[in-house]
C-alpha atoms as a PDB file:
ATOM      1  CA  UNK A   1       1.681  -1.214 -31.818  1.00  0.00           C
ATOM      2  CA  UNK A   2      -1.140  -2.522 -29.624  1.00  0.00           C
ATOM      3  CA  UNK A   3      -1.688  -6.222 -28.789  1.00  0.00           C
ATOM      4  CA  UNK A   4      -4.324  -7.904 -30.891  1.00  0.00           C
ATOM      5  CA  UNK A   5      -7.469  -8.942 -28.995  1.00  0.00           C
ATOM      6  CA  UNK A   6      -7.618 -12.647 -28.242  1.00  0.00           C
ATOM      7  CA  UNK A   7     -11.012 -12.860 -29.984  1.00  0.00           C
ATOM      8  CA  UNK A   8      -9.289 -12.061 -33.298  1.00  0.00           C
ATOM      9  CA  UNK A   9      -6.615 -14.716 -32.877  1.00  0.00           C
ATOM     10  CA  UNK A  10      -6.619 -18.152 -34.417  1.00  0.00           C
ATOM     11  CA  UNK A  11      -8.608 -20.972 -32.760  1.00  0.00           C
ATOM     12  CA  UNK A  12      -5.366 -22.647 -31.691  1.00  0.00           C
ATOM     13  CA  UNK A  13      -4.167 -19.437 -30.018  1.00  0.00           C
ATOM     14  CA  UNK A  14      -7.467 -19.037 -28.173  1.00  0.00           C
ATOM     15  CA  UNK A  15      -7.324 -22.623 -26.913  1.00  0.00           C
ATOM     16  CA  UNK A  16      -3.728 -22.151 -25.759  1.00  0.00           C
ATOM     17  CA  UNK A  17      -4.672 -18.901 -24.024  1.00  0.00           C
ATOM     18  CA  UNK A  18      -7.603 -20.470 -22.156  1.00  0.00           C
ATOM     19  CA  UNK A  19      -5.420 -23.441 -21.178  1.00  0.00           C
ATOM     20  CA  UNK A  20      -2.327 -21.549 -20.047  1.00  0.00           C
ATOM     21  CA  UNK A  21      -4.149 -18.765 -18.198  1.00  0.00           C
ATOM     22  CA  UNK A  22      -5.333 -20.988 -15.287  1.00  0.00           C
ATOM     23  CA  UNK A  23      -1.866 -22.560 -15.118  1.00  0.00           C
ATOM     24  CA  UNK A  24      -0.212 -19.138 -14.890  1.00  0.00           C
ATOM     25  CA  UNK A  25      -2.750 -18.072 -12.257  1.00  0.00           C
ATOM     26  CA  UNK A  26      -2.001 -21.208 -10.227  1.00  0.00           C
ATOM     27  CA  UNK A  27       1.752 -20.553 -10.313  1.00  0.00           C
ATOM     28  CA  UNK A  28       1.128 -16.933  -9.328  1.00  0.00           C
ATOM     29  CA  UNK A  29      -1.009 -17.965  -6.339  1.00  0.00           C
ATOM     30  CA  UNK A  30       1.218 -20.896  -5.347  1.00  0.00           C
ATOM     31  CA  UNK A  31       3.198 -19.017  -2.642  1.00  0.00           C
ATOM     32  CA  UNK A  32      -0.023 -17.714  -1.078  1.00  0.00           C
ATOM     33  CA  UNK A  33      -1.566 -21.193  -1.192  1.00  0.00           C
ATOM     34  CA  UNK A  34       1.561 -22.632   0.435  1.00  0.00           C
ATOM     35  CA  UNK A  35       1.352 -20.094   3.267  1.00  0.00           C
ATOM     36  CA  UNK A  36      -2.340 -20.891   3.727  1.00  0.00           C
ATOM     37  CA  UNK A  37      -1.553 -24.625   3.984  1.00  0.00           C
ATOM     38  CA  UNK A  38       1.339 -23.998   6.382  1.00  0.00           C
ATOM     39  CA  UNK A  39      -0.994 -21.983   8.622  1.00  0.00           C
ATOM     40  CA  UNK A  40      -3.192 -25.036   9.334  1.00  0.00           C
ATOM     41  CA  UNK A  41      -0.369 -27.514   9.913  1.00  0.00           C
ATOM     42  CA  UNK A  42       0.754 -28.586  13.382  1.00  0.00           C
ATOM     43  CA  UNK A  43       4.220 -27.761  14.635  1.00  0.00           C
ATOM     44  CA  UNK A  44       5.141 -31.458  14.517  1.00  0.00           C
ATOM     45  CA  UNK A  45       4.977 -31.463  10.717  1.00  0.00           C
ATOM     46  CA  UNK A  46       7.808 -28.933  10.505  1.00  0.00           C
ATOM     47  CA  UNK A  47      10.009 -30.682  13.027  1.00  0.00           C
ATOM     48  CA  UNK A  48       9.541 -33.958  11.138  1.00  0.00           C
ATOM     49  CA  UNK A  49      10.255 -32.364   7.733  1.00  0.00           C
ATOM     50  CA  UNK A  50       6.704 -32.616   6.379  1.00  0.00           C
ATOM     51  CA  UNK A  51       6.815 -29.223   4.643  1.00  0.00           C
ATOM     52  CA  UNK A  52       4.938 -29.964   1.436  1.00  0.00           C
ATOM     53  CA  UNK A  53       2.999 -33.077   2.311  1.00  0.00           C
ATOM     54  CA  UNK A  54      -0.576 -33.413   3.513  1.00  0.00           C
ATOM     55  CA  UNK A  55      -1.029 -32.086   7.065  1.00  0.00           C
ATOM     56  CA  UNK A  56      -0.946 -34.792   9.691  1.00  0.00           C
ATOM     57  CA  UNK A  57      -3.767 -32.882  11.417  1.00  0.00           C
ATOM     58  CA  UNK A  58      -5.581 -29.635  10.817  1.00  0.00           C
ATOM     59  CA  UNK A  59      -4.724 -27.137  13.546  1.00  0.00           C
ATOM     60  CA  UNK A  60      -6.295 -23.996  12.097  1.00  0.00           C
ATOM     61  CA  UNK A  61      -8.200 -23.052  15.248  1.00  0.00           C
ATOM     62  CA  UNK A  62      -5.211 -23.780  17.461  1.00  0.00           C
ATOM     63  CA  UNK A  63      -2.731 -21.849  15.285  1.00  0.00           C
ATOM     64  CA  UNK A  64      -4.925 -18.806  14.712  1.00  0.00           C
ATOM     65  CA  UNK A  65      -5.979 -18.884  18.363  1.00  0.00           C
ATOM     66  CA  UNK A  66      -2.345 -18.648  19.426  1.00  0.00           C
ATOM     67  CA  UNK A  67      -1.797 -15.793  16.966  1.00  0.00           C
ATOM     68  CA  UNK A  68      -4.640 -13.739  18.429  1.00  0.00           C
ATOM     69  CA  UNK A  69      -4.636 -14.747  22.101  1.00  0.00           C
ATOM     70  CA  UNK A  70      -1.123 -15.989  22.921  1.00  0.00           C
ATOM     71  CA  UNK A  71       0.999 -13.370  21.136  1.00  0.00           C
ATOM     72  CA  UNK A  72       1.266  -9.630  20.560  1.00  0.00           C
ATOM     73  CA  UNK A  73      -0.404  -9.864  17.145  1.00  0.00           C
ATOM     74  CA  UNK A  74      -3.452  -7.726  18.172  1.00  0.00           C
ATOM     75  CA  UNK A  75      -1.039  -5.031  19.342  1.00  0.00           C
ATOM     76  CA  UNK A  76       0.889  -5.197  16.068  1.00  0.00           C
ATOM     77  CA  UNK A  77      -2.350  -4.924  14.090  1.00  0.00           C
ATOM     78  CA  UNK A  78      -3.386  -1.889  16.121  1.00  0.00           C
ATOM     79  CA  UNK A  79       0.025  -0.323  15.516  1.00  0.00           C
ATOM     80  CA  UNK A  80      -0.385  -0.864  11.769  1.00  0.00           C
ATOM     81  CA  UNK A  81      -3.769   0.852  11.848  1.00  0.00           C
ATOM     82  CA  UNK A  82      -2.387   3.771  13.879  1.00  0.00           C
ATOM     83  CA  UNK A  83       0.490   4.121  11.407  1.00  0.00           C
ATOM     84  CA  UNK A  84      -1.293   3.515   8.115  1.00  0.00           C
ATOM     85  CA  UNK A  85      -4.467   5.592   8.568  1.00  0.00           C
ATOM     86  CA  UNK A  86      -2.711   8.871   9.565  1.00  0.00           C
ATOM     87  CA  UNK A  87      -0.176   8.353   6.786  1.00  0.00           C
ATOM     88  CA  UNK A  88      -2.893   7.943   4.163  1.00  0.00           C
ATOM     89  CA  UNK A  89      -4.763  11.009   5.438  1.00  0.00           C
ATOM     90  CA  UNK A  90      -1.619  13.138   5.622  1.00  0.00           C
ATOM     91  CA  UNK A  91      -0.127  12.121   2.269  1.00  0.00           C
ATOM     92  CA  UNK A  92      -3.418  12.441   0.383  1.00  0.00           C
ATOM     93  CA  UNK A  93      -4.263  15.797   2.012  1.00  0.00           C
ATOM     94  CA  UNK A  94      -0.854  17.291   1.198  1.00  0.00           C
ATOM     95  CA  UNK A  95      -0.846  15.917  -2.345  1.00  0.00           C
ATOM     96  CA  UNK A  96      -4.282  17.364  -3.144  1.00  0.00           C
ATOM     97  CA  UNK A  97      -3.004  20.827  -2.228  1.00  0.00           C
ATOM     98  CA  UNK A  98       0.373  20.506  -3.945  1.00  0.00           C
ATOM     99  CA  UNK A  99      -1.255  18.895  -6.985  1.00  0.00           C
ATOM    100  CA  UNK A 100      -3.736  21.766  -7.158  1.00  0.00           C
ATOM    101  CA  UNK A 101      -0.974  24.368  -6.949  1.00  0.00           C
ATOM    102  CA  UNK A 102       1.258  22.687  -9.526  1.00  0.00           C
ATOM    103  CA  UNK A 103      -1.574  21.732 -11.854  1.00  0.00           C
ATOM    104  CA  UNK A 104      -3.550  25.004 -11.895  1.00  0.00           C
ATOM    105  CA  UNK A 105      -1.113  27.859 -11.346  1.00  0.00           C
ATOM    106  CA  UNK A 106       1.544  28.779 -13.894  1.00  0.00           C
ATOM    107  CA  UNK A 107       4.576  30.362 -12.278  1.00  0.00           C
ATOM    108  CA  UNK A 108       8.332  30.340 -12.682  1.00  0.00           C
ATOM    109  CA  UNK A 109       9.802  27.217 -11.154  1.00  0.00           C
ATOM    110  CA  UNK A 110       6.621  25.177 -11.476  1.00  0.00           C
ATOM    111  CA  UNK A 111       8.267  22.365 -13.434  1.00  0.00           C
ATOM    112  CA  UNK A 112      11.380  22.498 -11.250  1.00  0.00           C
ATOM    113  CA  UNK A 113       9.339  21.964  -8.093  1.00  0.00           C
ATOM    114  CA  UNK A 114       7.338  19.223  -9.798  1.00  0.00           C
ATOM    115  CA  UNK A 115      10.531  17.465 -10.891  1.00  0.00           C
ATOM    116  CA  UNK A 116      11.841  17.676  -7.323  1.00  0.00           C
ATOM    117  CA  UNK A 117       8.762  15.801  -6.133  1.00  0.00           C
ATOM    118  CA  UNK A 118       9.319  13.173  -8.832  1.00  0.00           C
ATOM    119  CA  UNK A 119      13.059  12.880  -8.216  1.00  0.00           C
ATOM    120  CA  UNK A 120      12.458  11.762  -4.659  1.00  0.00           C
ATOM    121  CA  UNK A 121      10.737   8.636  -5.959  1.00  0.00           C
ATOM    122  CA  UNK A 122      13.932   7.497  -7.714  1.00  0.00           C
ATOM    123  CA  UNK A 123      16.147   7.586  -4.606  1.00  0.00           C
ATOM    124  CA  UNK A 124      16.674   4.033  -3.283  1.00  0.00           C
ATOM    125  CA  UNK A 125      15.425   3.680   0.274  1.00  0.00           C
ATOM    126  CA  UNK A 126      18.536   1.703   1.226  1.00  0.00           C
ATOM    127  CA  UNK A 127      20.683   4.814   0.690  1.00  0.00           C
ATOM    128  CA  UNK A 128      18.531   6.772   3.126  1.00  0.00           C
ATOM    129  CA  UNK A 129      18.509   4.095   5.823  1.00  0.00           C
ATOM    130  CA  UNK A 130      21.417   5.396   7.931  1.00  0.00           C
ATOM    131  CA  UNK A 131      20.718   9.162   7.706  1.00  0.00           C
ATOM    132  CA  UNK A 132      16.999   8.712   8.357  1.00  0.00           C
ATOM    133  CA  UNK A 133      17.671   6.493  11.359  1.00  0.00           C
ATOM    134  CA  UNK A 134      20.190   8.995  12.748  1.00  0.00           C
ATOM    135  CA  UNK A 135      17.700  11.808  12.190  1.00  0.00           C
ATOM    136  CA  UNK A 136      14.990   9.992  14.128  1.00  0.00           C
ATOM    137  CA  UNK A 137      17.430   9.452  16.990  1.00  0.00           C
ATOM    138  CA  UNK A 138      18.337  13.145  17.082  1.00  0.00           C
ATOM    139  CA  UNK A 139      14.679  14.215  16.964  1.00  0.00           C
ATOM    140  CA  UNK A 140      13.603  11.710  19.601  1.00  0.00           C
ATOM    141  CA  UNK A 141      11.323   9.918  17.117  1.00  0.00           C
ATOM    142  CA  UNK A 142      13.108   6.577  16.967  1.00  0.00           C
ATOM    143  CA  UNK A 143      10.930   3.604  17.912  1.00  0.00           C
ATOM    144  CA  UNK A 144       7.767   5.695  17.847  1.00  0.00           C
ATOM    145  CA  UNK A 145       4.686   5.451  15.669  1.00  0.00           C
ATOM    146  CA  UNK A 146       4.800   9.222  15.170  1.00  0.00           C
ATOM    147  CA  UNK A 147       8.251   9.064  13.598  1.00  0.00           C
ATOM    148  CA  UNK A 148       7.194   6.280  11.248  1.00  0.00           C
ATOM    149  CA  UNK A 149       4.068   8.207  10.229  1.00  0.00           C
ATOM    150  CA  UNK A 150       6.012  11.422   9.533  1.00  0.00           C
ATOM    151  CA  UNK A 151       8.623   9.723   7.385  1.00  0.00           C
ATOM    152  CA  UNK A 152       6.030   7.695   5.492  1.00  0.00           C
ATOM    153  CA  UNK A 153       4.150  10.917   4.725  1.00  0.00           C
ATOM    154  CA  UNK A 154       7.372  12.570   3.559  1.00  0.00           C
ATOM    155  CA  UNK A 155       8.291   9.670   1.290  1.00  0.00           C
ATOM    156  CA  UNK A 156       4.824   9.103  -0.158  1.00  0.00           C
ATOM    157  CA  UNK A 157       3.915  12.736  -0.845  1.00  0.00           C
ATOM    158  CA  UNK A 158       6.103  12.829  -3.966  1.00  0.00           C
ATOM    159  CA  UNK A 159       4.290   9.977  -5.682  1.00  0.00           C
ATOM    160  CA  UNK A 160       0.910  11.278  -4.495  1.00  0.00           C
ATOM    161  CA  UNK A 161       1.690  14.746  -5.894  1.00  0.00           C
ATOM    162  CA  UNK A 162       2.593  13.237  -9.259  1.00  0.00           C
ATOM    163  CA  UNK A 163      -0.696  11.325  -9.265  1.00  0.00           C
ATOM    164  CA  UNK A 164      -2.845  14.312  -8.198  1.00  0.00           C
ATOM    165  CA  UNK A 165      -1.163  16.904 -10.385  1.00  0.00           C
ATOM    166  CA  UNK A 166      -1.692  14.858 -13.534  1.00  0.00           C
ATOM    167  CA  UNK A 167      -5.296  14.178 -12.541  1.00  0.00           C
ATOM    168  CA  UNK A 168      -6.047  17.845 -11.869  1.00  0.00           C
ATOM    169  CA  UNK A 169      -4.533  18.920 -15.173  1.00  0.00           C
ATOM    170  CA  UNK A 170      -7.045  16.644 -16.929  1.00  0.00           C
ATOM    171  CA  UNK A 171     -10.008  18.434 -15.328  1.00  0.00           C
ATOM    172  CA  UNK A 172     -11.911  21.030 -17.425  1.00  0.00           C
ATOM    173  CA  UNK A 173     -10.180  24.340 -16.702  1.00  0.00           C
ATOM    174  CA  UNK A 174     -13.301  26.211 -17.815  1.00  0.00           C
ATOM    175  CA  UNK A 175     -14.944  25.375 -14.476  1.00  0.00           C
ATOM    176  CA  UNK A 176     -12.187  27.157 -12.581  1.00  0.00           C
ATOM    177  CA  UNK A 177     -12.279  30.148 -14.920  1.00  0.00           C
ATOM    178  CA  UNK A 178     -16.057  30.405 -14.522  1.00  0.00           C
ATOM    179  CA  UNK A 179     -15.695  30.370 -10.727  1.00  0.00           C
ATOM    180  CA  UNK A 180     -13.050  33.108 -10.892  1.00  0.00           C
ATOM    181  CA  UNK A 181     -15.312  35.252 -13.061  1.00  0.00           C
ATOM    182  CA  UNK A 182     -17.999  34.920 -10.396  1.00  0.00           C
ATOM    183  CA  UNK A 183     -15.529  36.221  -7.810  1.00  0.00           C
ATOM    184  CA  UNK A 184     -14.992  32.968  -5.929  1.00  0.00           C
ATOM    185  CA  UNK A 185     -11.766  32.894  -3.918  1.00  0.00           C
ATOM    186  CA  UNK A 186      -9.051  30.367  -4.743  1.00  0.00           C
ATOM    187  CA  UNK A 187      -9.580  28.513  -1.482  1.00  0.00           C
ATOM    188  CA  UNK A 188     -13.291  28.110  -2.170  1.00  0.00           C
ATOM    189  CA  UNK A 189     -12.534  27.033  -5.751  1.00  0.00           C
ATOM    190  CA  UNK A 190     -10.310  24.303  -4.350  1.00  0.00           C
ATOM    191  CA  UNK A 191     -12.867  23.336  -1.706  1.00  0.00           C
ATOM    192  CA  UNK A 192     -16.097  23.423  -3.687  1.00  0.00           C
ATOM    193  CA  UNK A 193     -15.056  22.993  -7.343  1.00  0.00           C
ATOM    194  CA  UNK A 194     -11.860  20.955  -7.612  1.00  0.00           C
ATOM    195  CA  UNK A 195     -12.033  18.752  -4.517  1.00  0.00           C
ATOM    196  CA  UNK A 196     -15.429  17.143  -5.355  1.00  0.00           C
ATOM    197  CA  UNK A 197     -14.120  16.284  -8.823  1.00  0.00           C
ATOM    198  CA  UNK A 198     -11.070  14.640  -7.269  1.00  0.00           C
ATOM    199  CA  UNK A 199     -13.016  12.091  -5.232  1.00  0.00           C
ATOM    200  CA  UNK A 200     -12.320   9.142  -7.582  1.00  0.00           C
ATOM    201  CA  UNK A 201      -8.612  10.008  -7.629  1.00  0.00           C
ATOM    202  CA  UNK A 202      -8.552  10.394  -3.842  1.00  0.00           C
ATOM    203  CA  UNK A 203     -10.190   6.988  -3.426  1.00  0.00           C
ATOM    204  CA  UNK A 204      -7.786   5.288  -5.845  1.00  0.00           C
ATOM    205  CA  UNK A 205      -4.762   6.950  -4.265  1.00  0.00           C
ATOM    206  CA  UNK A 206      -5.929   6.072  -0.757  1.00  0.00           C
ATOM    207  CA  UNK A 207      -6.144   2.384  -1.680  1.00  0.00           C
ATOM    208  CA  UNK A 208      -2.652   2.440  -3.195  1.00  0.00           C
ATOM    209  CA  UNK A 209      -1.041   4.250  -0.273  1.00  0.00           C
ATOM    210  CA  UNK A 210      -2.877   2.085   2.264  1.00  0.00           C
ATOM    211  CA  UNK A 211      -1.456  -1.011   0.566  1.00  0.00           C
ATOM    212  CA  UNK A 212       2.063   0.446   0.332  1.00  0.00           C
ATOM    213  CA  UNK A 213       2.225   1.502   3.983  1.00  0.00           C
ATOM    214  CA  UNK A 214       0.489  -1.543   5.456  1.00  0.00           C
ATOM    215  CA  UNK A 215       2.864  -3.896   3.611  1.00  0.00           C
ATOM    216  CA  UNK A 216       6.001  -1.890   4.382  1.00  0.00           C
ATOM    217  CA  UNK A 217       8.666  -3.960   6.080  1.00  0.00           C
ATOM    218  CA  UNK A 218      11.871  -2.031   5.432  1.00  0.00           C
ATOM    219  CA  UNK A 219      11.159   1.131   7.432  1.00  0.00           C
ATOM    220  CA  UNK A 220       9.250  -0.854  10.064  1.00  0.00           C
ATOM    221  CA  UNK A 221      12.451  -2.747  10.880  1.00  0.00           C
ATOM    222  CA  UNK A 222      14.787   0.251  10.536  1.00  0.00           C
ATOM    223  CA  UNK A 223      12.820   2.782  12.605  1.00  0.00           C
ATOM    224  CA  UNK A 224      10.987   0.664  15.195  1.00  0.00           C
ATOM    225  CA  UNK A 225      11.575  -2.238  17.539  1.00  0.00           C
ATOM    226  CA  UNK A 226       9.333  -3.982  20.003  1.00  0.00           C
ATOM    227  CA  UNK A 227       5.590  -4.473  20.294  1.00  0.00           C
ATOM    228  CA  UNK A 228       4.933  -0.917  21.488  1.00  0.00           C
ATOM    229  CA  UNK A 229       5.545   0.603  18.056  1.00  0.00           C
ATOM    230  CA  UNK A 230       6.230  -2.062  15.404  1.00  0.00           C
ATOM    231  CA  UNK A 231       3.567  -2.725  12.738  1.00  0.00           C
ATOM    232  CA  UNK A 232       2.338  -6.174  11.888  1.00  0.00           C
ATOM    233  CA  UNK A 233       4.787  -6.768   9.024  1.00  0.00           C
ATOM    234  CA  UNK A 234       7.723  -6.546  11.419  1.00  0.00           C
ATOM    235  CA  UNK A 235       5.839  -8.117  14.301  1.00  0.00           C
ATOM    236  CA  UNK A 236       5.406 -11.415  12.469  1.00  0.00           C
ATOM    237  CA  UNK A 237       9.106 -12.107  13.015  1.00  0.00           C
ATOM    238  CA  UNK A 238       8.442 -12.244  16.776  1.00  0.00           C
ATOM    239  CA  UNK A 239       7.289 -15.847  16.255  1.00  0.00           C
ATOM    240  CA  UNK A 240      10.906 -16.769  15.572  1.00  0.00           C
ATOM    241  CA  UNK A 241      12.657 -18.221  18.607  1.00  0.00           C
ATOM    242  CA  UNK A 242      16.415 -18.198  19.174  1.00  0.00           C
ATOM    243  CA  UNK A 243      17.061 -21.592  17.627  1.00  0.00           C
ATOM    244  CA  UNK A 244      13.983 -22.346  15.540  1.00  0.00           C
ATOM    245  CA  UNK A 245      11.140 -20.639  13.686  1.00  0.00           C
ATOM    246  CA  UNK A 246       7.454 -21.268  14.301  1.00  0.00           C
ATOM    247  CA  UNK A 247       6.499 -21.494  10.648  1.00  0.00           C
ATOM    248  CA  UNK A 248       2.903 -22.458  11.371  1.00  0.00           C
ATOM    249  CA  UNK A 249       2.362 -19.339  13.498  1.00  0.00           C
ATOM    250  CA  UNK A 250       4.260 -17.111  11.073  1.00  0.00           C
ATOM    251  CA  UNK A 251       2.077 -18.377   8.242  1.00  0.00           C
ATOM    252  CA  UNK A 252      -1.109 -17.797  10.217  1.00  0.00           C
ATOM    253  CA  UNK A 253       0.087 -14.312  11.143  1.00  0.00           C
ATOM    254  CA  UNK A 254       0.912 -13.570   7.509  1.00  0.00           C
ATOM    255  CA  UNK A 255      -2.599 -14.529   6.412  1.00  0.00           C
ATOM    256  CA  UNK A 256      -4.081 -12.291   9.104  1.00  0.00           C
ATOM    257  CA  UNK A 257      -1.798  -9.405   8.100  1.00  0.00           C
ATOM    258  CA  UNK A 258      -2.746  -9.752   4.427  1.00  0.00           C
ATOM    259  CA  UNK A 259      -6.505  -9.517   5.008  1.00  0.00           C
ATOM    260  CA  UNK A 260      -6.899  -5.730   5.659  1.00  0.00           C
ATOM    261  CA  UNK A 261      -5.377  -4.592   2.304  1.00  0.00           C
ATOM    262  CA  UNK A 262      -7.463  -7.182   0.459  1.00  0.00           C
ATOM    263  CA  UNK A 263     -10.638  -6.046   2.211  1.00  0.00           C
ATOM    264  CA  UNK A 264      -9.709  -2.416   1.579  1.00  0.00           C
ATOM    265  CA  UNK A 265      -9.339  -3.089  -2.141  1.00  0.00           C
ATOM    266  CA  UNK A 266     -12.637  -4.935  -2.486  1.00  0.00           C
ATOM    267  CA  UNK A 267     -14.520  -2.321  -0.485  1.00  0.00           C
ATOM    268  CA  UNK A 268     -13.082   0.496  -2.626  1.00  0.00           C
ATOM    269  CA  UNK A 269     -12.868  -1.452  -5.889  1.00  0.00           C
ATOM    270  CA  UNK A 270     -15.453   0.602  -7.747  1.00  0.00           C
ATOM    271  CA  UNK A 271     -13.871   3.910  -6.731  1.00  0.00           C
ATOM    272  CA  UNK A 272     -10.366   2.552  -7.322  1.00  0.00           C
ATOM    273  CA  UNK A 273     -11.067   1.527 -10.917  1.00  0.00           C
ATOM    274  CA  UNK A 274     -12.963   4.760 -11.588  1.00  0.00           C
ATOM    275  CA  UNK A 275     -10.041   6.820 -10.300  1.00  0.00           C
ATOM    276  CA  UNK A 276      -7.506   5.006 -12.469  1.00  0.00           C
ATOM    277  CA  UNK A 277      -9.570   5.107 -15.662  1.00  0.00           C
ATOM    278  CA  UNK A 278     -11.174   8.554 -15.370  1.00  0.00           C
ATOM    279  CA  UNK A 279      -9.997  10.654 -18.268  1.00  0.00           C
ATOM    280  CA  UNK A 280      -8.675   7.684 -20.229  1.00  0.00           C
ATOM    281  CA  UNK A 281     -11.370   8.125 -22.873  1.00  0.00           C
ATOM    282  CA  UNK A 282     -12.752  11.489 -23.961  1.00  0.00           C
END
């Protein structure tokens, strides 16, 4: 039922595993390595067809300098921060409360409400593209960071509630019963008993949602346009001219856009792993 540990395999299997693992890792990182190489190539290499060859010259400072100082990339990065951070705070805050209500209280319709949160995760975003865009136009939220934040919170709260509800149900219920016996109100139980125990889950969920929202491209293109509101994922396409694409600048911009989620993961790695594995072993 479970895979056998590699240490218990035959010597030939262990040798094959140690040989093929770096090869698989190289193939997995190949697109990222290609983008990194493209980001240091001069524009002349692309016009001459030198896509995969050795760069004729290394233009890393020139390319990244143009990305930061000769384009709207800083504005796009700021937009991504102003969109992602409020979305993470809003989705996590709502999901902690809904997860607490659905995980602690037993009432008629509990499972139905929980299934409604889950069902929203199975609706393809492409189906919602036209009605959501029309709704933003009617509400005056089209091409605004506020509209993008509100819809990201709405779409992410379902997954966050599923995550938080299952985490809260794994907590020792005796702590809550003991607090109720002492006469502690439900709000104070949530604030001083449950919420401190949820810190690893909150950290893990924050990293996941930060990555999802920062890397979102679909809703960024559907609901925004222009440098005043577009995040960095959509803003990278601004390096495309009418008749040609600046692949060297797009690659440099892509590397810059990928750094914040990577840094976020490494900074929160300990909390992220603790939140995902807490309760796995009793």
